Amino acid sequence: MTVTDHPGFQASLTVGQVAKAAGVTANAVRFYERYGVINAHRNSGNARRFTVDAICRIKLALAAQRVGITLKESAEILAGIPPLSRDLDQWLAAGEELVRIGRSRVDRLQATVDELATLDFLQNDPRT
């Protein structure tokens, strides 16, 4: 059974529903929309409505932010996945790309920490 086959599934979620399910505030949902991580459509009353995958997109972007991946980078990676995509390979590829970028960031941070730990950079003569 997929998420969209689940009883009680709603194809159109409010800002508040997305916020609660993703563990963020309503303002954060609008923030992620502004940066292109998620996309909304407007109903007849001009209220934002999101597809259920907005929750996954926000959670992925939140995790990516913790290792220094920007919202712009996350949005670009997630843009390749159509709304309500059931193609697990697309989601896995996006996740793997976020992991690759995250590991690269962590490696660079570790190198900087190692450099600070030894203070070798203070002993190097910039004239040589």
Protein backbone atom coordinates (compact mmCIF):
# COMPACT_ATOMS: atom_id res chain seq x y z
CA MET A 1 0.00 0.00 0.00
CA THR A 2 1.37 3.42 -0.93
CA VAL A 3 0.69 6.66 0.92
CA THR A 4 -1.86 7.69 -1.69
CA ASP A 5 -3.70 4.36 -1.30
CA HIS A 6 -3.97 4.77 2.47
CA PRO A 7 -7.45 5.32 3.91
CA GLY A 8 -7.90 8.97 4.88
CA PHE A 9 -5.33 10.17 2.37
CA GLN A 10 -5.86 13.77 1.29
CA ALA A 11 -4.37 14.96 -1.97
CA SER A 12 -4.77 18.57 -0.88
CA LEU A 13 -3.30 19.59 2.48
CA THR A 14 -3.48 22.94 4.23
CA VAL A 15 -0.45 24.86 5.46
CA GLY A 16 -1.30 23.78 9.01
CA GLN A 17 -1.60 20.10 8.09
CA VAL A 18 1.75 20.14 6.31
CA ALA A 19 3.36 22.02 9.19
CA LYS A 20 2.11 19.56 11.79
CA ALA A 21 3.13 16.49 9.79
CA ALA A 22 6.58 17.90 8.94
CA GLY A 23 7.23 19.14 12.48
CA VAL A 24 7.63 22.80 11.51
CA THR A 25 5.62 25.99 11.88
CA ALA A 26 3.15 27.31 9.32
CA ASN A 27 5.58 30.16 8.65
CA ALA A 28 8.28 27.61 7.90
CA VAL A 29 6.01 25.93 5.35
CA ARG A 30 5.54 29.26 3.58
CA PHE A 31 9.31 29.83 3.81
CA TYR A 32 10.03 26.50 2.12
CA GLU A 33 7.50 27.35 -0.56
CA ARG A 34 9.17 30.72 -1.19
CA TYR A 35 12.52 28.95 -1.69
CA GLY A 36 11.02 26.39 -4.06
CA VAL A 37 11.45 23.33 -1.87
CA ILE A 38 7.68 22.78 -2.05
CA ASN A 39 4.97 24.10 -4.33
CA ALA A 40 1.38 24.99 -3.58
CA HIS A 41 -1.68 25.52 -5.63
CA ARG A 42 -4.53 27.81 -4.62
CA ASN A 43 -8.08 26.66 -4.03
CA SER A 44 -11.17 28.67 -4.96
CA GLY A 45 -10.84 30.63 -1.71
CA ASN A 46 -7.21 31.49 -2.60
CA ALA A 47 -5.84 29.37 0.26
CA ARG A 48 -2.65 27.41 -0.31
CA ARG A 49 -2.98 23.67 -0.78
CA PHE A 50 -0.11 21.20 -0.90
CA THR A 51 0.29 17.63 -2.05
CA VAL A 52 1.31 15.08 0.58
CA ASP A 53 4.86 14.87 -0.77
CA ALA A 54 5.46 18.41 0.56
CA ILE A 55 5.97 16.76 3.94
CA CYS A 56 8.77 14.54 2.61
CA ARG A 57 10.37 17.45 0.76
CA ILE A 58 10.43 19.59 3.91
CA LYS A 59 11.86 16.76 6.02
CA LEU A 60 14.60 16.12 3.46
CA ALA A 61 15.44 19.82 3.25
CA LEU A 62 15.54 20.11 7.05
CA ALA A 63 17.98 17.20 7.32
CA ALA A 64 20.07 18.64 4.50
CA GLN A 65 20.21 22.04 6.21
CA ARG A 66 21.74 20.43 9.30
CA VAL A 67 24.85 19.58 7.28
CA GLY A 68 25.01 22.94 5.52
CA ILE A 69 23.09 22.23 2.33
CA THR A 70 21.25 25.36 1.29
CA LEU A 71 17.54 25.49 0.57
CA LYS A 72 18.38 26.49 -2.99
CA GLU A 73 20.46 23.33 -3.42
CA SER A 74 17.73 21.16 -1.89
CA ALA A 75 15.08 22.80 -4.07
CA GLU A 76 17.14 22.17 -7.21
CA ILE A 77 17.58 18.50 -6.34
CA LEU A 78 13.95 17.98 -5.37
CA ALA A 79 12.66 19.84 -8.44
CA GLY A 80 13.34 16.74 -10.52
CA ILE A 81 10.65 14.81 -8.66
CA PRO A 82 7.12 15.52 -9.89
CA PRO A 83 4.40 16.12 -7.27
CA LEU A 84 2.91 12.89 -5.93
CA SER A 85 5.59 10.85 -7.69
CA ARG A 86 5.47 7.18 -6.79
CA ASP A 87 8.83 6.61 -8.48
CA LEU A 88 10.97 5.44 -5.58
CA ASP A 89 14.08 5.61 -7.76
CA GLN A 90 13.63 9.39 -8.13
CA TRP A 91 13.29 9.83 -4.37
CA LEU A 92 16.30 7.59 -3.74
CA ALA A 93 18.40 9.48 -6.29
CA ALA A 94 17.50 12.80 -4.65
CA GLY A 95 18.34 11.40 -1.23
CA GLU A 96 21.64 10.00 -2.46
CA GLU A 97 22.57 13.35 -4.00
CA LEU A 98 21.78 15.14 -0.73
CA VAL A 99 23.90 12.57 1.12
CA ARG A 100 26.78 13.04 -1.34
CA ILE A 101 26.72 16.82 -0.91
CA GLY A 102 26.34 16.45 2.86
CA ARG A 103 29.32 14.12 3.12
CA SER A 104 31.40 16.54 1.08
CA ARG A 105 30.46 19.36 3.45
CA VAL A 106 31.24 17.22 6.49
CA ASP A 107 34.64 16.27 5.02
CA ARG A 108 35.50 19.93 4.47
CA LEU A 109 34.39 20.81 8.00
CA GLN A 110 36.44 17.93 9.43
CA ALA A 111 39.53 19.15 7.55
CA THR A 112 39.00 22.62 9.01
CA VAL A 113 38.58 21.21 12.53
CA ASP A 114 41.74 19.14 12.08
CA GLU A 115 43.61 22.23 10.94
CA LEU A 116 42.39 24.18 13.95
CA ALA A 117 43.32 21.34 16.29
CA THR A 118 46.95 21.34 15.19
CA LEU A 119 47.32 25.09 14.64
CA ASP A 120 49.75 24.24 11.82
CA PHE A 121 48.32 27.08 9.76
CA LEU A 122 49.83 29.53 12.28
CA GLN A 123 53.33 28.20 11.65
CA ASN A 124 53.27 28.37 7.86
CA ASP A 125 55.15 31.34 6.49
CA PRO A 126 52.89 32.92 3.84
CA ARG A 127 55.98 34.22 2.02
CA THR A 128 57.13 30.71 1.09
